[in-house]
Amino acid sequence: MAQPYSARSRAIEPFHVMALLARANELQAAGHDVIHLEIGEPDFITADPIIKAGQAALADGKTRYTAARGLPQLREAIAGFYAQRYRLDIDPQRILVTPGGSGALLLASSL
């Protein structure tokens, strides 16, 4: 019987961090003191001002996808941060915003 998935999709390796997380959870369940550094998931709740800002954005109708490279205002703010903090002049057009470190690393490694 033919495989229902492409050869490329069948060649994708599992995300190794998830195996580390499973092992860390096993150790924690067995009573070991574990500090989770494997997936970047904070061990604290989202701060109230961030929750309120998200709720306000949703109420304001901001429910669509943003620009694929990130909001222009955010990219400009990031460039401004680097200019102020490190005295680096970075063109906001050269900045890409990702939803997390894994996506950024995947993007960078595919260039």
PDB file of N, CA and C in Angstrom:
ATOM      1  N   MET A   1       0.848  -1.186   0.000  1.00  0.00           N
ATOM      2  CA  MET A   1       0.000   0.000   0.000  1.00  0.00           C
ATOM      3  C   MET A   1       0.888   1.242   0.000  1.00  0.00           C
ATOM      4  N   ALA A   2       0.548   2.212  -0.804  1.00  0.00           N
ATOM      5  CA  ALA A   2       1.334   3.443  -0.906  1.00  0.00           C
ATOM      6  C   ALA A   2       1.207   4.268   0.373  1.00  0.00           C
ATOM      7  N   GLN A   3       2.305   4.935   0.714  1.00  0.00           N
ATOM      8  CA  GLN A   3       2.292   5.808   1.888  1.00  0.00           C
ATOM      9  C   GLN A   3       1.437   7.044   1.581  1.00  0.00           C
ATOM     10  N   PRO A   4       0.562   7.470   2.503  1.00  0.00           N
ATOM     11  CA  PRO A   4      -0.292   8.632   2.239  1.00  0.00           C
ATOM     12  C   PRO A   4       0.441   9.970   2.398  1.00  0.00           C
ATOM     13  N   TYR A   5       1.703   9.927   2.807  1.00  0.00           N
ATOM     14  CA  TYR A   5       2.451  11.159   3.033  1.00  0.00           C
ATOM     15  C   TYR A   5       3.639  11.225   2.096  1.00  0.00           C
ATOM     16  N   SER A   6       4.089  12.426   1.808  1.00  0.00           N
ATOM     17  CA  SER A   6       5.239  12.606   0.926  1.00  0.00           C
ATOM     18  C   SER A   6       6.509  12.083   1.588  1.00  0.00           C
ATOM     19  N   ALA A   7       7.497  11.765   0.758  1.00  0.00           N
ATOM     20  CA  ALA A   7       8.784  11.290   1.280  1.00  0.00           C
ATOM     21  C   ALA A   7       9.411  12.342   2.181  1.00  0.00           C
ATOM     22  N   ARG A   8       9.258  13.610   1.795  1.00  0.00           N
ATOM     23  CA  ARG A   8       9.844  14.684   2.605  1.00  0.00           C
ATOM     24  C   ARG A   8       9.205  14.744   3.993  1.00  0.00           C
ATOM     25  N   SER A   9       7.873  14.626   4.046  1.00  0.00           N
ATOM     26  CA  SER A   9       7.214  14.699   5.352  1.00  0.00           C
ATOM     27  C   SER A   9       7.547  13.481   6.209  1.00  0.00           C
ATOM     28  N   ARG A  10       7.762  12.318   5.586  1.00  0.00           N
ATOM     29  CA  ARG A  10       8.131  11.123   6.352  1.00  0.00           C
ATOM     30  C   ARG A  10       9.561  11.203   6.873  1.00  0.00           C
ATOM     31  N   ALA A  11      10.381  12.059   6.257  1.00  0.00           N
ATOM     32  CA  ALA A  11      11.783  12.181   6.662  1.00  0.00           C
ATOM     33  C   ALA A  11      11.986  13.164   7.813  1.00  0.00           C
ATOM     34  N   ILE A  12      10.936  13.868   8.205  1.00  0.00           N
ATOM     35  CA  ILE A  12      11.064  14.849   9.283  1.00  0.00           C
ATOM     36  C   ILE A  12      11.340  14.128  10.594  1.00  0.00           C
ATOM     37  N   GLU A  13      12.382  14.551  11.257  1.00  0.00           N
ATOM     38  CA  GLU A  13      12.766  13.948  12.534  1.00  0.00           C
ATOM     39  C   GLU A  13      11.921  14.542  13.657  1.00  0.00           C
ATOM     40  N   PRO A  14      11.707  13.793  14.730  1.00  0.00           N
ATOM     41  CA  PRO A  14      10.945  14.337  15.861  1.00  0.00           C
ATOM     42  C   PRO A  14      11.707  15.483  16.517  1.00  0.00           C
ATOM     43  N   PHE A  15      10.961  16.346  17.153  1.00  0.00           N
ATOM     44  CA  PHE A  15      11.531  17.487  17.865  1.00  0.00           C
ATOM     45  C   PHE A  15      12.155  16.959  19.153  1.00  0.00           C
ATOM     46  N   HIS A  16      13.469  16.916  19.199  1.00  0.00           N
ATOM     47  CA  HIS A  16      14.186  16.264  20.299  1.00  0.00           C
ATOM     48  C   HIS A  16      13.883  16.869  21.669  1.00  0.00           C
ATOM     49  N   VAL A  17      13.519  18.131  21.688  1.00  0.00           N
ATOM     50  CA  VAL A  17      13.229  18.773  22.965  1.00  0.00           C
ATOM     51  C   VAL A  17      12.026  18.118  23.638  1.00  0.00           C
ATOM     52  N   MET A  18      11.087  17.628  22.836  1.00  0.00           N
ATOM     53  CA  MET A  18       9.912  16.990  23.426  1.00  0.00           C
ATOM     54  C   MET A  18      10.298  15.698  24.142  1.00  0.00           C
ATOM     55  N   ALA A  19      11.293  14.978  23.626  1.00  0.00           N
ATOM     56  CA  ALA A  19      11.782  13.776  24.313  1.00  0.00           C
ATOM     57  C   ALA A  19      12.448  14.164  25.628  1.00  0.00           C
ATOM     58  N   LEU A  20      13.188  15.262  25.619  1.00  0.00           N
ATOM     59  CA  LEU A  20      13.806  15.747  26.860  1.00  0.00           C
ATOM     60  C   LEU A  20      12.740  16.142  27.874  1.00  0.00           C
ATOM     61  N   LEU A  21      11.690  16.801  27.394  1.00  0.00           N
ATOM     62  CA  LEU A  21      10.600  17.197  28.280  1.00  0.00           C
ATOM     63  C   LEU A  21       9.941  15.968  28.896  1.00  0.00           C
ATOM     64  N   ALA A  22       9.688  14.944  28.083  1.00  0.00           N
ATOM     65  CA  ALA A  22       9.069  13.718  28.605  1.00  0.00           C
ATOM     66  C   ALA A  22       9.943  13.097  29.683  1.00  0.00           C
ATOM     67  N   ARG A  23      11.245  13.042  29.447  1.00  0.00           N
ATOM     68  CA  ARG A  23      12.166  12.466  30.446  1.00  0.00           C
ATOM     69  C   ARG A  23      12.197  13.320  31.705  1.00  0.00           C
ATOM     70  N   ALA A  24      12.225  14.637  31.545  1.00  0.00           N
ATOM     71  CA  ALA A  24      12.218  15.528  32.706  1.00  0.00           C
ATOM     72  C   ALA A  24      10.943  15.339  33.515  1.00  0.00           C
ATOM     73  N   ASN A  25       9.810  15.178  32.831  1.00  0.00           N
ATOM     74  CA  ASN A  25       8.544  14.950  33.532  1.00  0.00           C
ATOM     75  C   ASN A  25       8.546  13.618  34.275  1.00  0.00           C
ATOM     76  N   GLU A  26       9.159  12.590  33.673  1.00  0.00           N
ATOM     77  CA  GLU A  26       9.285  11.295  34.357  1.00  0.00           C
ATOM     78  C   GLU A  26      10.096  11.449  35.639  1.00  0.00           C
ATOM     79  N   LEU A  27      11.218  12.133  35.541  1.00  0.00           N
ATOM     80  CA  LEU A  27      12.066  12.338  36.720  1.00  0.00           C
ATOM     81  C   LEU A  27      11.326  13.132  37.790  1.00  0.00           C
ATOM     82  N   GLN A  28      10.595  14.148  37.354  1.00  0.00           N
ATOM     83  CA  GLN A  28       9.842  14.973  38.301  1.00  0.00           C
ATOM     84  C   GLN A  28       8.754  14.140  38.980  1.00  0.00           C
ATOM     85  N   ALA A  29       8.059  13.305  38.210  1.00  0.00           N
ATOM     86  CA  ALA A  29       7.020  12.444  38.776  1.00  0.00           C
ATOM     87  C   ALA A  29       7.605  11.443  39.760  1.00  0.00           C
ATOM     88  N   ALA A  30       8.878  11.089  39.566  1.00  0.00           N
ATOM     89  CA  ALA A  30       9.552  10.148  40.468  1.00  0.00           C
ATOM     90  C   ALA A  30      10.101  10.842  41.709  1.00  0.00           C
ATOM     91  N   GLY A  31       9.831  12.139  41.829  1.00  0.00           N
ATOM     92  CA  GLY A  31      10.239  12.851  43.033  1.00  0.00           C
ATOM     93  C   GLY A  31      11.514  13.661  42.921  1.00  0.00           C
ATOM     94  N   HIS A  32      12.123  13.685  41.761  1.00  0.00           N
ATOM     95  CA  HIS A  32      13.340  14.476  41.582  1.00  0.00           C
ATOM     96  C   HIS A  32      12.988  15.955  41.422  1.00  0.00           C
ATOM     97  N   ASP A  33      13.856  16.814  41.924  1.00  0.00           N
ATOM     98  CA  ASP A  33      13.683  18.256  41.757  1.00  0.00           C
ATOM     99  C   ASP A  33      14.216  18.629  40.374  1.00  0.00           C
ATOM    100  N   VAL A  34      13.342  19.075  39.488  1.00  0.00           N
ATOM    101  CA  VAL A  34      13.721  19.358  38.103  1.00  0.00           C
ATOM    102  C   VAL A  34      13.491  20.831  37.803  1.00  0.00           C
ATOM    103  N   ILE A  35      14.478  21.455  37.221  1.00  0.00           N
ATOM    104  CA  ILE A  35      14.331  22.814  36.703  1.00  0.00           C
ATOM    105  C   ILE A  35      14.189  22.677  35.194  1.00  0.00           C
ATOM    106  N   HIS A  36      13.032  23.026  34.672  1.00  0.00           N
ATOM    107  CA  HIS A  36      12.748  22.847  33.247  1.00  0.00           C
ATOM    108  C   HIS A  36      13.371  23.970  32.430  1.00  0.00           C
ATOM    109  N   LEU A  37      14.347  23.592  31.609  1.00  0.00           N
ATOM    110  CA  LEU A  37      14.972  24.527  30.681  1.00  0.00           C
ATOM    111  C   LEU A  37      14.842  24.039  29.240  1.00  0.00           C
ATOM    112  N   GLU A  38      14.017  23.019  29.030  1.00  0.00           N
ATOM    113  CA  GLU A  38      14.019  22.369  27.727  1.00  0.00           C
ATOM    114  C   GLU A  38      13.171  23.044  26.662  1.00  0.00           C
ATOM    115  N   ILE A  39      12.030  23.602  26.985  1.00  0.00           N
ATOM    116  CA  ILE A  39      11.181  24.143  25.927  1.00  0.00           C
ATOM    117  C   ILE A  39      10.906  25.634  26.067  1.00  0.00           C
ATOM    118  N   GLY A  40      11.478  26.268  27.032  1.00  0.00           N
ATOM    119  CA  GLY A  40      11.287  27.704  27.159  1.00  0.00           C
ATOM    120  C   GLY A  40       9.915  28.104  27.666  1.00  0.00           C
ATOM    121  N   GLU A  41       9.225  27.200  28.302  1.00  0.00           N
ATOM    122  CA  GLU A  41       7.905  27.496  28.861  1.00  0.00           C
ATOM    123  C   GLU A  41       8.101  28.057  30.261  1.00  0.00           C
ATOM    124  N   PRO A  42       7.725  29.313  30.493  1.00  0.00           N
ATOM    125  CA  PRO A  42       7.946  29.893  31.820  1.00  0.00           C
ATOM    126  C   PRO A  42       7.134  29.177  32.901  1.00  0.00           C
ATOM    127  N   ASP A  43       7.642  29.226  34.112  1.00  0.00           N
ATOM    128  CA  ASP A  43       6.936  28.589  35.228  1.00  0.00           C
ATOM    129  C   ASP A  43       6.125  29.608  36.022  1.00  0.00           C
ATOM    130  N   PHE A  44       5.768  30.705  35.368  1.00  0.00           N
ATOM    131  CA  PHE A  44       4.950  31.735  36.008  1.00  0.00           C
ATOM    132  C   PHE A  44       3.848  32.136  35.032  1.00  0.00           C
ATOM    133  N   ILE A  45       2.794  32.706  35.581  1.00  0.00           N
ATOM    134  CA  ILE A  45       1.666  33.094  34.736  1.00  0.00           C
ATOM    135  C   ILE A  45       1.980  34.404  34.005  1.00  0.00           C
ATOM    136  N   THR A  46       1.240  34.641  32.946  1.00  0.00           N
ATOM    137  CA  THR A  46       1.404  35.873  32.185  1.00  0.00           C
ATOM    138  C   THR A  46       1.000  37.057  33.057  1.00  0.00           C
ATOM    139  N   ALA A  47       1.789  38.123  33.007  1.00  0.00           N
ATOM    140  CA  ALA A  47       1.526  39.318  33.816  1.00  0.00           C
ATOM    141  C   ALA A  47       0.196  39.951  33.413  1.00  0.00           C
ATOM    142  N   ASP A  48      -0.511  40.476  34.404  1.00  0.00           N
ATOM    143  CA  ASP A  48      -1.835  41.048  34.190  1.00  0.00           C
ATOM    144  C   ASP A  48      -1.857  42.136  33.108  1.00  0.00           C
ATOM    145  N   PRO A  49      -0.889  43.062  33.058  1.00  0.00           N
ATOM    146  CA  PRO A  49      -0.933  44.068  31.984  1.00  0.00           C
ATOM    147  C   PRO A  49      -0.860  43.458  30.584  1.00  0.00           C
ATOM    148  N   ILE A  50      -0.159  42.346  30.445  1.00  0.00           N
ATOM    149  CA  ILE A  50      -0.068  41.689  29.141  1.00  0.00           C
ATOM    150  C   ILE A  50      -1.403  41.035  28.794  1.00  0.00           C
ATOM    151  N   ILE A  51      -2.030  40.403  29.775  1.00  0.00           N
ATOM    152  CA  ILE A  51      -3.352  39.801  29.552  1.00  0.00           C
ATOM    153  C   ILE A  51      -4.342  40.880  29.136  1.00  0.00           C
ATOM    154  N   LYS A  52      -4.344  42.000  29.854  1.00  0.00           N
ATOM    155  CA  LYS A  52      -5.280  43.091  29.546  1.00  0.00           C
ATOM    156  C   LYS A  52      -5.012  43.686  28.171  1.00  0.00           C
ATOM    157  N   ALA A  53      -3.741  43.819  27.798  1.00  0.00           N
ATOM    158  CA  ALA A  53      -3.409  44.349  26.471  1.00  0.00           C
ATOM    159  C   ALA A  53      -3.906  43.404  25.382  1.00  0.00           C
ATOM    160  N   GLY A  54      -3.755  42.094  25.600  1.00  0.00           N
ATOM    161  CA  GLY A  54      -4.258  41.117  24.636  1.00  0.00           C
ATOM    162  C   GLY A  54      -5.771  41.172  24.519  1.00  0.00           C
ATOM    163  N   GLN A  55      -6.452  41.284  25.652  1.00  0.00           N
ATOM    164  CA  GLN A  55      -7.911  41.367  25.642  1.00  0.00           C
ATOM    165  C   GLN A  55      -8.376  42.634  24.935  1.00  0.00           C
ATOM    166  N   ALA A  56      -7.677  43.749  25.190  1.00  0.00           N
ATOM    167  CA  ALA A  56      -8.033  45.015  24.546  1.00  0.00           C
ATOM    168  C   ALA A  56      -7.823  44.928  23.035  1.00  0.00           C
ATOM    169  N   ALA A  57      -6.747  44.288  22.615  1.00  0.00           N
ATOM    170  CA  ALA A  57      -6.482  44.141  21.180  1.00  0.00           C
ATOM    171  C   ALA A  57      -7.578  43.307  20.521  1.00  0.00           C
ATOM    172  N   LEU A  58      -7.990  42.225  21.172  1.00  0.00           N
ATOM    173  CA  LEU A  58      -9.066  41.392  20.630  1.00  0.00           C
ATOM    174  C   LEU A  58     -10.375  42.175  20.557  1.00  0.00           C
ATOM    175  N   ALA A  59     -10.683  42.916  21.621  1.00  0.00           N
ATOM    176  CA  ALA A  59     -11.906  43.715  21.645  1.00  0.00           C
ATOM    177  C   ALA A  59     -11.872  44.806  20.578  1.00  0.00           C
ATOM    178  N   ASP A  60     -10.663  45.253  20.220  1.00  0.00           N
ATOM    179  CA  ASP A  60     -10.485  46.297  19.210  1.00  0.00           C
ATOM    180  C   ASP A  60     -10.509  45.721  17.793  1.00  0.00           C
ATOM    181  N   GLY A  61     -10.763  44.420  17.675  1.00  0.00           N
ATOM    182  CA  GLY A  61     -10.873  43.800  16.363  1.00  0.00           C
ATOM    183  C   GLY A  61      -9.563  43.336  15.762  1.00  0.00           C
ATOM    184  N   LYS A  62      -8.512  43.308  16.540  1.00  0.00           N
ATOM    185  CA  LYS A  62      -7.208  42.863  16.028  1.00  0.00           C
ATOM    186  C   LYS A  62      -7.152  41.337  16.114  1.00  0.00           C
ATOM    187  N   THR A  63      -7.856  40.715  15.177  1.00  0.00           N
ATOM    188  CA  THR A  63      -7.988  39.255  15.198  1.00  0.00           C
ATOM    189  C   THR A  63      -7.458  38.595  13.932  1.00  0.00           C
ATOM    190  N   ARG A  64      -6.807  39.356  13.087  1.00  0.00           N
ATOM    191  CA  ARG A  64      -6.295  38.820  11.821  1.00  0.00           C
ATOM    192  C   ARG A  64      -4.806  38.523  11.932  1.00  0.00           C
ATOM    193  N   TYR A  65      -4.300  37.824  10.936  1.00  0.00           N
ATOM    194  CA  TYR A  65      -2.863  37.589  10.875  1.00  0.00           C
ATOM    195  C   TYR A  65      -2.136  38.920  10.756  1.00  0.00           C
ATOM    196  N   THR A  66      -0.952  38.968  11.327  1.00  0.00           N
ATOM    197  CA  THR A  66      -0.103  40.143  11.158  1.00  0.00           C
ATOM    198  C   THR A  66       0.778  39.918   9.934  1.00  0.00           C
ATOM    199  N   ALA A  67       1.587  40.912   9.619  1.00  0.00           N
ATOM    200  CA  ALA A  67       2.528  40.785   8.507  1.00  0.00           C
ATOM    201  C   ALA A  67       3.442  39.590   8.771  1.00  0.00           C
ATOM    202  N   ALA A  68       3.774  38.841   7.734  1.00  0.00           N
ATOM    203  CA  ALA A  68       4.568  37.623   7.894  1.00  0.00           C
ATOM    204  C   ALA A  68       5.927  37.892   8.528  1.00  0.00           C
ATOM    205  N   ARG A  69       6.488  39.060   8.321  1.00  0.00           N
ATOM    206  CA  ARG A  69       7.808  39.383   8.876  1.00  0.00           C
ATOM    207  C   ARG A  69       7.703  40.051  10.244  1.00  0.00           C
ATOM    208  N   GLY A  70       6.483  40.249  10.724  1.00  0.00           N
ATOM    209  CA  GLY A  70       6.276  40.911  12.010  1.00  0.00           C
ATOM    210  C   GLY A  70       5.689  42.295  11.798  1.00  0.00           C
ATOM    211  N   LEU A  71       5.032  42.807  12.804  1.00  0.00           N
ATOM    212  CA  LEU A  71       4.446  44.144  12.708  1.00  0.00           C
ATOM    213  C   LEU A  71       5.537  45.173  12.428  1.00  0.00           C
ATOM    214  N   PRO A  72       5.318  46.058  11.448  1.00  0.00           N
ATOM    215  CA  PRO A  72       6.334  47.077  11.157  1.00  0.00           C
ATOM    216  C   PRO A  72       6.701  47.913  12.384  1.00  0.00           C
ATOM    217  N   GLN A  73       5.699  48.260  13.206  1.00  0.00           N
ATOM    218  CA  GLN A  73       5.977  49.060  14.400  1.00  0.00           C
ATOM    219  C   GLN A  73       6.883  48.303  15.372  1.00  0.00           C
ATOM    220  N   LEU A  74       6.677  47.002  15.493  1.00  0.00           N
ATOM    221  CA  LEU A  74       7.507  46.192  16.384  1.00  0.00           C
ATOM    222  C   LEU A  74       8.922  46.101  15.844  1.00  0.00           C
ATOM    223  N   ARG A  75       9.053  45.896  14.541  1.00  0.00           N
ATOM    224  CA  ARG A  75      10.387  45.810  13.948  1.00  0.00           C
ATOM    225  C   ARG A  75      11.133  47.136  14.097  1.00  0.00           C
ATOM    226  N   GLU A  76      10.417  48.244  13.973  1.00  0.00           N
ATOM    227  CA  GLU A  76      11.043  49.557  14.186  1.00  0.00           C
ATOM    228  C   GLU A  76      11.457  49.720  15.649  1.00  0.00           C
ATOM    229  N   ALA A  77      10.613  49.266  16.568  1.00  0.00           N
ATOM    230  CA  ALA A  77      10.950  49.360  17.996  1.00  0.00           C
ATOM    231  C   ALA A  77      12.169  48.500  18.325  1.00  0.00           C
ATOM    232  N   ILE A  78      12.268  47.328  17.724  1.00  0.00           N
ATOM    233  CA  ILE A  78      13.431  46.464  17.954  1.00  0.00           C
ATOM    234  C   ILE A  78      14.689  47.139  17.427  1.00  0.00           C
ATOM    235  N   ALA A  79      14.609  47.721  16.234  1.00  0.00           N
ATOM    236  CA  ALA A  79      15.757  48.446  15.676  1.00  0.00           C
ATOM    237  C   ALA A  79      16.138  49.606  16.591  1.00  0.00           C
ATOM    238  N   GLY A  80      15.134  50.316  17.119  1.00  0.00           N
ATOM    239  CA  GLY A  80      15.396  51.419  18.043  1.00  0.00           C
ATOM    240  C   GLY A  80      16.065  50.951  19.321  1.00  0.00           C
ATOM    241  N   PHE A  81      15.639  49.800  19.826  1.00  0.00           N
ATOM    242  CA  PHE A  81      16.255  49.234  21.029  1.00  0.00           C
ATOM    243  C   PHE A  81      17.735  48.967  20.792  1.00  0.00           C
ATOM    244  N   TYR A  82      18.057  48.334  19.667  1.00  0.00           N
ATOM    245  CA  TYR A  82      19.463  48.028  19.375  1.00  0.00           C
ATOM    246  C   TYR A  82      20.279  49.297  19.150  1.00  0.00           C
ATOM    247  N   ALA A  83      19.649  50.317  18.579  1.00  0.00           N
ATOM    248  CA  ALA A  83      20.355  51.590  18.383  1.00  0.00           C
ATOM    249  C   ALA A  83      20.671  52.235  19.725  1.00  0.00           C
ATOM    250  N   GLN A  84      19.689  52.247  20.624  1.00  0.00           N
ATOM    251  CA  GLN A  84      19.880  52.877  21.932  1.00  0.00           C
ATOM    252  C   GLN A  84      20.800  52.058  22.825  1.00  0.00           C
ATOM    253  N   ARG A  85      20.585  50.769  22.887  1.00  0.00           N
ATOM    254  CA  ARG A  85      21.315  49.927  23.825  1.00  0.00           C
ATOM    255  C   ARG A  85      22.729  49.580  23.369  1.00  0.00           C
ATOM    256  N   TYR A  86      22.868  49.304  22.072  1.00  0.00           N
ATOM    257  CA  TYR A  86      24.150  48.805  21.569  1.00  0.00           C
ATOM    258  C   TYR A  86      24.798  49.718  20.525  1.00  0.00           C
ATOM    259  N   ARG A  87      24.136  50.839  20.241  1.00  0.00           N
ATOM    260  CA  ARG A  87      24.624  51.779  19.220  1.00  0.00           C
ATOM    261  C   ARG A  87      24.789  51.104  17.863  1.00  0.00           C
ATOM    262  N   LEU A  88      23.860  50.240  17.532  1.00  0.00           N
ATOM    263  CA  LEU A  88      23.867  49.550  16.245  1.00  0.00           C
ATOM    264  C   LEU A  88      22.747  50.102  15.376  1.00  0.00           C
ATOM    265  N   ASP A  89      23.058  50.394  14.140  1.00  0.00           N
ATOM    266  CA  ASP A  89      22.068  50.900  13.197  1.00  0.00           C
ATOM    267  C   ASP A  89      21.573  49.734  12.346  1.00  0.00           C
ATOM    268  N   ILE A  90      20.408  49.199  12.698  1.00  0.00           N
ATOM    269  CA  ILE A  90      19.847  48.052  11.985  1.00  0.00           C
ATOM    270  C   ILE A  90      18.589  48.504  11.255  1.00  0.00           C
ATOM    271  N   ASP A  91      18.544  48.244   9.978  1.00  0.00           N
ATOM    272  CA  ASP A  91      17.377  48.574   9.172  1.00  0.00           C
ATOM    273  C   ASP A  91      16.221  47.663   9.597  1.00  0.00           C
ATOM    274  N   PRO A  92      15.073  48.223   9.984  1.00  0.00           N
ATOM    275  CA  PRO A  92      13.933  47.383  10.387  1.00  0.00           C
ATOM    276  C   PRO A  92      13.523  46.377   9.314  1.00  0.00           C
ATOM    277  N   GLN A  93      13.838  46.660   8.052  1.00  0.00           N
ATOM    278  CA  GLN A  93      13.522  45.718   6.978  1.00  0.00           C
ATOM    279  C   GLN A  93      14.332  44.431   7.088  1.00  0.00           C
ATOM    280  N   ARG A  94      15.430  44.479   7.850  1.00  0.00           N
ATOM    281  CA  ARG A  94      16.268  43.290   8.016  1.00  0.00           C
ATOM    282  C   ARG A  94      15.895  42.498   9.269  1.00  0.00           C
ATOM    283  N   ILE A  95      14.874  42.937   9.980  1.00  0.00           N
ATOM    284  CA  ILE A  95      14.438  42.276  11.214  1.00  0.00           C
ATOM    285  C   ILE A  95      13.208  41.429  10.914  1.00  0.00           C
ATOM    286  N   LEU A  96      13.229  40.189  11.371  1.00  0.00           N
ATOM    287  CA  LEU A  96      12.075  39.305  11.265  1.00  0.00           C
ATOM    288  C   LEU A  96      11.661  38.882  12.668  1.00  0.00           C
ATOM    289  N   VAL A  97      10.385  38.924  12.936  1.00  0.00           N
ATOM    290  CA  VAL A  97       9.850  38.543  14.241  1.00  0.00           C
ATOM    291  C   VAL A  97       9.269  37.136  14.120  1.00  0.00           C
ATOM    292  N   THR A  98       9.645  36.258  15.037  1.00  0.00           N
ATOM    293  CA  THR A  98       9.131  34.891  15.036  1.00  0.00           C
ATOM    294  C   THR A  98       8.366  34.642  16.334  1.00  0.00           C
ATOM    295  N   PRO A  99       7.488  33.634  16.350  1.00  0.00           N
ATOM    296  CA  PRO A  99       6.723  33.364  17.558  1.00  0.00           C
ATOM    297  C   PRO A  99       7.503  32.633  18.639  1.00  0.00           C
ATOM    298  N   GLY A 100       8.770  32.368  18.407  1.00  0.00           N
ATOM    299  CA  GLY A 100       9.583  31.696  19.422  1.00  0.00           C
ATOM    300  C   GLY A 100      10.968  31.399  18.903  1.00  0.00           C
ATOM    301  N   GLY A 101      11.798  30.931  19.798  1.00  0.00           N
ATOM    302  CA  GLY A 101      13.182  30.646  19.451  1.00  0.00           C
ATOM    303  C   GLY A 101      13.339  29.506  18.463  1.00  0.00           C
ATOM    304  N   SER A 102      12.501  28.480  18.566  1.00  0.00           N
ATOM    305  CA  SER A 102      12.620  27.337  17.650  1.00  0.00           C
ATOM    306  C   SER A 102      12.359  27.766  16.215  1.00  0.00           C
ATOM    307  N   GLY A 103      11.339  28.582  16.020  1.00  0.00           N
ATOM    308  CA  GLY A 103      11.050  29.078  14.673  1.00  0.00           C
ATOM    309  C   GLY A 103      12.175  29.938  14.135  1.00  0.00           C
ATOM    310  N   ALA A 104      12.764  30.750  15.002  1.00  0.00           N
ATOM    311  CA  ALA A 104      13.884  31.598  14.581  1.00  0.00           C
ATOM    312  C   ALA A 104      15.084  30.752  14.183  1.00  0.00           C
ATOM    313  N   LEU A 105      15.394  29.728  14.974  1.00  0.00           N
ATOM    314  CA  LEU A 105      16.524  28.859  14.648  1.00  0.00           C
ATOM    315  C   LEU A 105      16.273  28.079  13.361  1.00  0.00           C
ATOM    316  N   LEU A 106      15.054  27.602  13.175  1.00  0.00           N
ATOM    317  CA  LEU A 106      14.716  26.881  11.951  1.00  0.00           C
ATOM    318  C   LEU A 106      14.864  27.795  10.743  1.00  0.00           C
ATOM    319  N   LEU A 107      14.367  29.015  10.864  1.00  0.00           N
ATOM    320  CA  LEU A 107      14.473  29.972   9.771  1.00  0.00           C
ATOM    321  C   LEU A 107      15.933  30.293   9.471  1.00  0.00           C
ATOM    322  N   ALA A 108      16.709  30.569  10.497  1.00  0.00           N
ATOM    323  CA  ALA A 108      18.119  30.914  10.304  1.00  0.00           C
ATOM    324  C   ALA A 108      18.903  29.757   9.696  1.00  0.00           C
ATOM    325  N   SER A 109      18.597  28.547  10.107  1.00  0.00           N
ATOM    326  CA  SER A 109      19.353  27.398   9.602  1.00  0.00           C
ATOM    327  C   SER A 109      18.951  27.010   8.190  1.00  0.00           C
ATOM    328  N   SER A 110      17.839  27.525   7.702  1.00  0.00           N
ATOM    329  CA  SER A 110      17.404  27.177   6.351  1.00  0.00           C
ATOM    330  C   SER A 110      17.872  28.186   5.316  1.00  0.00           C
ATOM    331  N   LEU A 111      18.578  29.217   5.747  1.00  0.00           N
ATOM    332  CA  LEU A 111      19.057  30.233   4.796  1.00  0.00           C
ATOM    333  C   LEU A 111      20.238  29.741   4.018  1.00  0.00           C
TER     334      LEU A 111
END
